[in-house]
Each structure stands twice: as C-alpha cells, then as structure tokens.
Amino acid sequence: MNAAQPNPLNTHLSAQEKVEGEVVVSIKDVNFSYAPGERQILMGLKMEFRRGQVVAVMGGSGCGKTTILRLIGGQVAAQSGQVLFEGQDIGRMNSAQLMQARRRMGMLFQFGALFTDLSVFENVAFPLREHTNLSEDLLRSLVLMKLNAVGLRGARDLMPSQISGGMARRVALARAIALDPPLIMYDEPFAGLDPISLGITARLIRDLNNALGATSLLVTHDVEETFEIADYVYFIADGRIAAEGTPADLNRSTDPFVRQFLDAAPDGPVPFHYPGQALEDDFGVRTS
C-alpha cells in the first residue's frame, strides 16, 4: 500500500489508539478451572499482548490455549488474578460493559464459522449492521474495502457453500476486522488449510495487523507459518508458561518441552499415555 495514501482499513482508530507498544491485554497471576474441585486449567498465568504485535500462544491439545481466548472475551471468569483489556478488568465488567469491550475485539473462529444463510457480503456486513448506524452506501464501501483487503471483493455475492475452505477463512477474517478492532483473536487460523491458503492466511494476518495498528493473538499449532509472522511466542504446558520469547529465541532453546514441540518428537515431557492405573491393575498381568 502506498504510504502517501490514507489507509482504507483503518477508519476508526484515534491517534492515541495507534500508539505502538502499549499493553492492550494483560493477564496477571490468573488461576482458572471450569468448576470447583476440577483440574486447574491455568495456574499463575502472566502474559502481555502489546499494540502492533502478532503474539502466538502455542502448546499441546488441552493445555488451556483456547481458554485464554475465552477469558479475554469474558466468556469465563478467572477464579483469581486479573484479565485486563485496555486497562479494564474483564472479570469485573457487567453485561453492558462487556458488550462494549467485545465491540473492540475481532474474533476469527476455527474454520471461519460463517453464517451459512448469508452471502459473503452480508457476513462481513453483519457486525457493522449490529453495532453502527452507517448509511447503506457507506456500509457497502466499508464491506467492499474489507473484502478487497483479503482478495475476495469479487466473491461478494457468493454463499459460503460456494467458496472453498481457504476462501471462507478469508471472509471470516474480513468480518473480524470489520469494526477495525484494536485486538484480533485467532483460534487455530491455519487448521485444515492447504499450503497455498495457509501461506495466504498467514501473510494476511501479518499485513492486516500492520495496516490496522492492532494486536493479533494467535492460538495455533502451526510452527513454521507462525514463526514467520509472530513477534513473540508463549508456550503453554500443564496450565503454565513453559517458555516464551521471540521465534529466534525459541528456535535456539534447549528446553525439553520446546524442543519436543518444535521437533514434533513423540517422546519428551509431554507423555504419550494419559495418566492411569498400572497395566497390571487393568489387565491382571505383570509387565516386568
């Protein structure tokens, strides 16, 4: 995009909101479980997500990555600690305050989650119709700008059933940035994509984050593409941060958990077997 031209993506951010490096989300000493007495999902979690950054949260299945997105979105509340969005405690917000905060968050759900009965255009228009009073002419221009940014302006009249999985993910991305949110969250944005679509999606995440001056939070398993675009990475294991740093830092790491994850090794700190009774207790035979 020509630097001398106004950015068509960034239509709402004030000068103060464009300050790079300020903390947009801060997670402070958070402990969380889904019910009293159940397994602790997150323990003593401390994280920061700064404006202008693409930050990845990685780890094995069931380690609590998606729970972090739910905490930030206010779907669940921490038993202790704080989840701050733009300095405000999400856990202390009432319903009206939470809805106001959510308008400043974009969310790309796993596999897109498009409305199947709405066209591509109307999927992207949905948050604008819900949260603004824009004229139809201005709404149309904004929707087409967002679709153009993801390369799908020409698909505006198609239905979700008429586009590929990769295209659906891009439409969902256009919808996620419709309101120019300062925070964009991605839940497994690369899952199920072919190599071409995966590369396109990764580059869009980076480029749109830069264009919007936003903060992007990726929950993902995809190491190669994530390390190409991320500024900072948190690795979660057993509900805690096992390692953190830039992709270059983590590539040099000798930490056993980091190495097992990056090298896709079957053996390491993450065991193959889920904890259970000894084999001899279940099968009635001695194993040694």
Protein backbone atom coordinates (compact mmCIF):
# COMPACT_ATOMS: atom_id res chain seq x y z
CA MET A 1 0.00 0.00 0.00
CA ASN A 2 1.32 3.46 -0.90
CA ALA A 3 2.40 5.20 2.32
CA ALA A 4 1.26 8.55 0.95
CA GLN A 5 -2.35 7.38 0.68
CA PRO A 6 -4.80 7.07 3.60
CA ASN A 7 -5.23 3.55 4.86
CA PRO A 8 -8.71 2.31 3.80
CA LEU A 9 -8.67 -0.35 6.52
CA ASN A 10 -8.12 1.97 9.44
CA THR A 11 -11.27 4.09 9.61
CA HIS A 12 -11.95 4.38 13.35
CA LEU A 13 -8.70 4.40 15.34
CA SER A 14 -7.77 7.64 17.10
CA ALA A 15 -4.20 8.93 17.33
CA GLN A 16 -3.94 7.72 20.93
CA GLU A 17 -5.08 4.23 19.94
CA LYS A 18 -2.37 3.97 17.31
CA VAL A 19 0.49 4.21 19.82
CA GLU A 20 2.61 1.14 19.25
CA GLY A 21 3.94 -0.89 22.15
CA GLU A 22 1.26 -0.04 24.70
CA VAL A 23 -0.23 -3.04 26.52
CA VAL A 24 -3.65 -3.93 25.10
CA VAL A 25 -4.22 -7.14 27.10
CA SER A 26 -2.55 -8.04 30.38
CA ILE A 27 -3.08 -11.35 32.17
CA LYS A 28 -1.91 -11.18 35.78
CA ASP A 29 -1.49 -14.22 38.03
CA VAL A 30 -4.59 -15.94 36.62
CA ASN A 31 -5.79 -19.25 38.02
CA PHE A 32 -8.71 -20.97 36.32
CA SER A 33 -10.71 -24.18 36.42
CA TYR A 34 -14.12 -24.81 34.87
CA ALA A 35 -15.69 -25.97 38.14
CA PRO A 36 -14.70 -26.07 41.84
CA GLY A 37 -12.63 -29.14 42.61
CA GLU A 38 -11.91 -29.88 38.94
CA ARG A 39 -8.47 -29.88 37.32
CA GLN A 40 -6.77 -26.50 37.20
CA ILE A 41 -6.59 -25.45 33.56
CA LEU A 42 -4.39 -22.37 34.09
CA MET A 43 -2.12 -21.65 37.04
CA GLY A 44 -0.34 -18.39 37.84
CA LEU A 45 -0.55 -17.23 34.23
CA LYS A 46 1.22 -13.96 33.36
CA MET A 47 1.10 -12.62 29.79
CA GLU A 48 1.14 -9.31 27.93
CA PHE A 49 -0.06 -8.50 24.42
CA ARG A 50 1.15 -5.18 23.03
CA ARG A 51 -0.16 -2.96 20.26
CA GLY A 52 1.39 -3.62 16.89
CA GLN A 53 2.46 -7.16 17.77
CA VAL A 54 1.44 -10.55 16.46
CA VAL A 55 1.67 -12.84 19.51
CA ALA A 56 1.26 -16.61 19.31
CA VAL A 57 0.07 -18.88 22.10
CA MET A 58 1.18 -22.45 21.42
CA GLY A 59 1.15 -25.79 23.20
CA GLY A 60 -0.31 -29.26 23.09
CA SER A 61 -4.01 -30.03 22.86
CA GLY A 62 -5.83 -29.42 26.13
CA CYS A 63 -3.15 -27.18 27.62
CA GLY A 64 -5.51 -24.18 28.02
CA LYS A 65 -4.82 -22.11 24.89
CA THR A 66 -8.43 -21.59 23.85
CA THR A 67 -9.38 -20.96 27.49
CA ILE A 68 -7.15 -17.87 27.34
CA LEU A 69 -9.28 -16.53 24.46
CA ARG A 70 -12.44 -17.22 26.48
CA LEU A 71 -11.04 -15.34 29.47
CA ILE A 72 -10.17 -12.32 27.35
CA GLY A 73 -13.60 -12.37 25.68
CA GLY A 74 -15.36 -12.64 29.05
CA GLN A 75 -17.00 -15.99 28.30
CA VAL A 76 -15.48 -17.36 31.50
CA ALA A 77 -14.00 -15.66 34.57
CA ALA A 78 -10.81 -16.44 36.43
CA GLN A 79 -11.04 -17.73 40.00
CA SER A 80 -8.17 -15.40 40.91
CA GLY A 81 -5.95 -12.88 39.17
CA GLN A 82 -6.89 -10.29 36.55
CA VAL A 83 -7.52 -10.18 32.81
CA LEU A 84 -7.18 -6.55 31.73
CA PHE A 85 -8.28 -5.26 28.32
CA GLU A 86 -7.19 -1.69 27.65
CA GLY A 87 -6.65 -1.32 31.40
CA GLN A 88 -10.12 -2.56 32.41
CA ASP A 89 -10.70 -5.78 34.33
CA ILE A 90 -12.81 -8.08 32.14
CA GLY A 91 -13.81 -10.18 35.16
CA ARG A 92 -15.42 -7.18 36.91
CA MET A 93 -17.45 -5.90 33.96
CA ASN A 94 -21.23 -6.00 33.90
CA SER A 95 -23.07 -7.17 30.78
CA ALA A 96 -23.25 -3.73 29.17
CA GLN A 97 -19.56 -3.02 29.78
CA LEU A 98 -18.60 -6.45 28.47
CA MET A 99 -20.59 -5.95 25.27
CA GLN A 100 -18.89 -2.58 24.80
CA ALA A 101 -15.46 -4.19 25.24
CA ARG A 102 -16.28 -7.01 22.82
CA ARG A 103 -17.03 -4.47 20.09
CA ARG A 104 -13.33 -3.63 20.25
CA MET A 105 -12.32 -7.27 19.77
CA GLY A 106 -12.30 -9.17 16.49
CA MET A 107 -12.53 -12.96 16.51
CA LEU A 108 -11.63 -15.44 13.81
CA PHE A 109 -13.17 -18.74 14.86
CA GLN A 110 -11.69 -22.08 13.91
CA PHE A 111 -12.90 -22.97 10.39
CA GLY A 112 -14.41 -19.49 9.99
CA ALA A 113 -17.91 -20.03 11.44
CA LEU A 114 -19.63 -18.07 8.67
CA PHE A 115 -23.40 -17.66 8.70
CA THR A 116 -24.42 -20.22 6.10
CA ASP A 117 -27.64 -18.43 5.09
CA LEU A 118 -25.92 -15.08 4.48
CA SER A 119 -23.87 -14.14 1.44
CA VAL A 120 -20.18 -13.29 1.66
CA PHE A 121 -21.11 -9.59 1.60
CA GLU A 122 -23.71 -9.92 4.36
CA ASN A 123 -21.36 -11.99 6.56
CA VAL A 124 -18.87 -9.13 6.58
CA ALA A 125 -21.64 -6.53 6.90
CA PHE A 126 -23.13 -8.28 9.94
CA PRO A 127 -21.05 -6.60 12.71
CA LEU A 128 -21.43 -3.21 11.01
CA ARG A 129 -25.22 -3.59 10.91
CA GLU A 130 -25.29 -4.75 14.54
CA HIS A 131 -23.03 -2.10 16.05
CA THR A 132 -23.25 1.01 13.83
CA ASN A 133 -25.85 3.23 12.19
CA LEU A 134 -23.98 3.68 8.92
CA SER A 135 -25.82 4.51 5.74
CA GLU A 136 -26.13 1.71 3.21
CA ASP A 137 -23.72 3.48 0.84
CA LEU A 138 -21.01 3.84 3.47
CA LEU A 139 -21.60 0.31 4.78
CA ARG A 140 -21.26 -1.05 1.24
CA SER A 141 -17.98 0.81 0.74
CA LEU A 142 -16.55 -0.46 4.03
CA VAL A 143 -17.55 -4.07 3.35
CA LEU A 144 -16.01 -3.97 -0.12
CA MET A 145 -12.82 -2.45 1.33
CA LYS A 146 -12.52 -5.30 3.82
CA LEU A 147 -13.22 -7.91 1.15
CA ASN A 148 -10.71 -6.25 -1.17
CA ALA A 149 -8.10 -6.41 1.59
CA VAL A 150 -8.45 -10.21 1.71
CA GLY A 151 -8.67 -10.56 -2.08
CA LEU A 152 -12.35 -11.51 -2.24
CA ARG A 153 -14.20 -8.40 -3.40
CA GLY A 154 -15.27 -10.36 -6.48
CA ALA A 155 -16.87 -13.07 -4.32
CA ARG A 156 -19.24 -10.67 -2.55
CA ASP A 157 -22.44 -12.26 -3.89
CA LEU A 158 -21.46 -15.89 -3.33
CA MET A 159 -22.81 -18.02 -0.50
CA PRO A 160 -20.49 -19.83 1.96
CA SER A 161 -21.39 -23.14 0.29
CA GLN A 162 -19.99 -21.81 -2.99
CA ILE A 163 -16.49 -20.96 -1.75
CA SER A 164 -13.52 -23.05 -0.63
CA GLY A 165 -12.39 -23.54 2.96
CA GLY A 166 -9.47 -21.18 2.45
CA MET A 167 -11.74 -18.51 0.99
CA ALA A 168 -14.18 -18.95 3.87
CA ARG A 169 -11.35 -18.31 6.32
CA ARG A 170 -10.51 -15.09 4.47
CA VAL A 171 -14.14 -13.95 4.52
CA ALA A 172 -14.18 -14.63 8.27
CA LEU A 173 -11.03 -12.54 8.60
CA ALA A 174 -12.67 -9.66 6.72
CA ARG A 175 -15.62 -9.94 9.14
CA ALA A 176 -13.27 -9.97 12.14
CA ILE A 177 -11.71 -6.65 11.10
CA ALA A 178 -14.98 -5.00 10.01
CA LEU A 179 -15.01 -2.65 13.01
CA ASP A 180 -11.23 -2.05 12.97
CA PRO A 181 -10.78 -3.59 16.44
CA PRO A 182 -7.57 -2.92 18.39
CA LEU A 183 -7.47 -6.63 19.31
CA ILE A 184 -7.93 -9.50 16.86
CA MET A 185 -8.01 -13.07 18.21
CA TYR A 186 -7.48 -16.15 16.05
CA ASP A 187 -8.42 -19.66 17.16
CA GLU A 188 -6.41 -22.12 15.06
CA PRO A 189 -6.47 -19.93 11.91
CA PHE A 190 -4.37 -22.42 9.88
CA ALA A 191 -6.30 -25.62 10.70
CA GLY A 192 -7.35 -27.62 7.66
CA LEU A 193 -5.85 -25.28 5.05
CA ASP A 194 -3.86 -26.37 2.02
CA PRO A 195 -0.29 -24.97 1.77
CA ILE A 196 -1.28 -22.11 -0.55
CA SER A 197 -4.24 -21.00 1.59
CA LEU A 198 -2.13 -21.39 4.72
CA GLY A 199 0.56 -19.08 3.36
CA ILE A 200 -2.03 -16.53 2.19
CA THR A 201 -3.77 -16.53 5.58
CA ALA A 202 -0.52 -16.12 7.49
CA ARG A 203 0.57 -13.19 5.33
CA LEU A 204 -2.87 -11.55 5.67
CA ILE A 205 -2.70 -11.79 9.47
CA ARG A 206 0.65 -10.00 9.48
CA ASP A 207 -0.22 -7.39 6.86
CA LEU A 208 -3.64 -6.55 8.31
CA ASN A 209 -2.20 -6.26 11.80
CA ASN A 210 0.36 -3.76 10.49
CA ALA A 211 -2.25 -1.83 8.48
CA LEU A 212 -4.67 -1.56 11.40
CA GLY A 213 -2.05 -0.87 14.07
CA ALA A 214 -3.73 -3.67 16.02
CA THR A 215 -2.71 -6.51 18.31
CA SER A 216 -3.13 -10.05 16.98
CA LEU A 217 -3.34 -13.06 19.30
CA LEU A 218 -2.94 -16.43 17.58
CA VAL A 219 -3.79 -19.75 19.20
CA THR A 220 -2.14 -22.25 16.89
CA HIS A 221 -0.20 -25.48 16.46
CA ASP A 222 1.44 -24.49 13.17
CA VAL A 223 5.08 -23.78 13.98
CA GLU A 224 6.56 -22.87 10.60
CA GLU A 225 3.98 -20.32 9.44
CA THR A 226 3.55 -18.87 12.94
CA PHE A 227 7.27 -18.32 13.42
CA GLU A 228 7.37 -16.47 10.08
CA ILE A 229 4.91 -13.79 11.23
CA ALA A 230 4.96 -13.71 15.06
CA ASP A 231 6.80 -11.12 17.13
CA TYR A 232 6.53 -13.10 20.36
CA VAL A 233 5.51 -16.63 21.35
CA TYR A 234 4.21 -18.16 24.57
CA PHE A 235 4.41 -21.94 25.02
CA ILE A 236 1.84 -23.36 27.46
CA ALA A 237 2.27 -26.72 29.22
CA ASP A 238 0.30 -28.07 32.18
CA GLY A 239 -1.50 -24.74 32.56
CA ARG A 240 1.70 -22.73 32.92
CA ILE A 241 4.04 -20.84 30.62
CA ALA A 242 6.80 -23.33 29.86
CA ALA A 243 8.75 -20.94 27.64
CA GLU A 244 8.40 -17.55 25.97
CA GLY A 245 10.37 -15.31 23.65
CA THR A 246 10.82 -14.34 20.03
CA PRO A 247 10.74 -17.10 17.41
CA ALA A 248 14.53 -16.80 17.14
CA ASP A 249 14.89 -17.23 20.92
CA LEU A 250 12.73 -20.34 20.92
CA ASN A 251 14.47 -21.89 17.92
CA ARG A 252 17.71 -21.70 19.93
CA SER A 253 16.08 -23.11 23.08
CA THR A 254 17.32 -26.34 24.64
CA ASP A 255 14.27 -26.59 26.91
CA PRO A 256 12.94 -30.18 26.62
CA PHE A 257 9.31 -29.11 26.17
CA VAL A 258 10.13 -26.52 23.50
CA ARG A 259 12.34 -28.97 21.63
CA GLN A 260 9.71 -31.73 21.72
CA PHE A 261 7.08 -29.35 20.34
CA LEU A 262 9.24 -27.75 17.65
CA ASP A 263 10.78 -31.06 16.57
CA ALA A 264 7.43 -32.91 16.69
CA ALA A 265 9.11 -35.58 18.81
CA PRO A 266 6.84 -38.37 20.14
CA ASP A 267 8.84 -38.71 23.37
CA GLY A 268 9.57 -35.97 25.87
CA PRO A 269 7.95 -34.01 28.71
CA VAL A 270 4.52 -34.47 27.08
CA PRO A 271 3.82 -38.20 27.56
CA PHE A 272 2.14 -40.47 25.03
CA HIS A 273 -0.02 -42.16 27.70
CA TYR A 274 -2.65 -40.29 29.71
CA PRO A 275 -2.05 -40.94 33.43
CA GLY A 276 -3.93 -44.01 34.66
CA GLN A 277 -3.67 -47.24 36.59
CA ALA A 278 -0.73 -49.55 36.10
CA LEU A 279 -1.09 -52.09 33.29
CA GLU A 280 -1.04 -54.99 35.77
CA ASP A 281 -4.03 -53.46 37.61
CA ASP A 282 -6.12 -53.24 34.44
CA PHE A 283 -5.03 -56.46 32.75
CA GLY A 284 -4.12 -58.64 35.73
CA VAL A 285 -0.65 -59.46 34.41
CA ARG A 286 2.81 -58.37 35.46
CA THR A 287 4.73 -56.30 32.93
CA SER A 288 8.21 -56.90 34.34
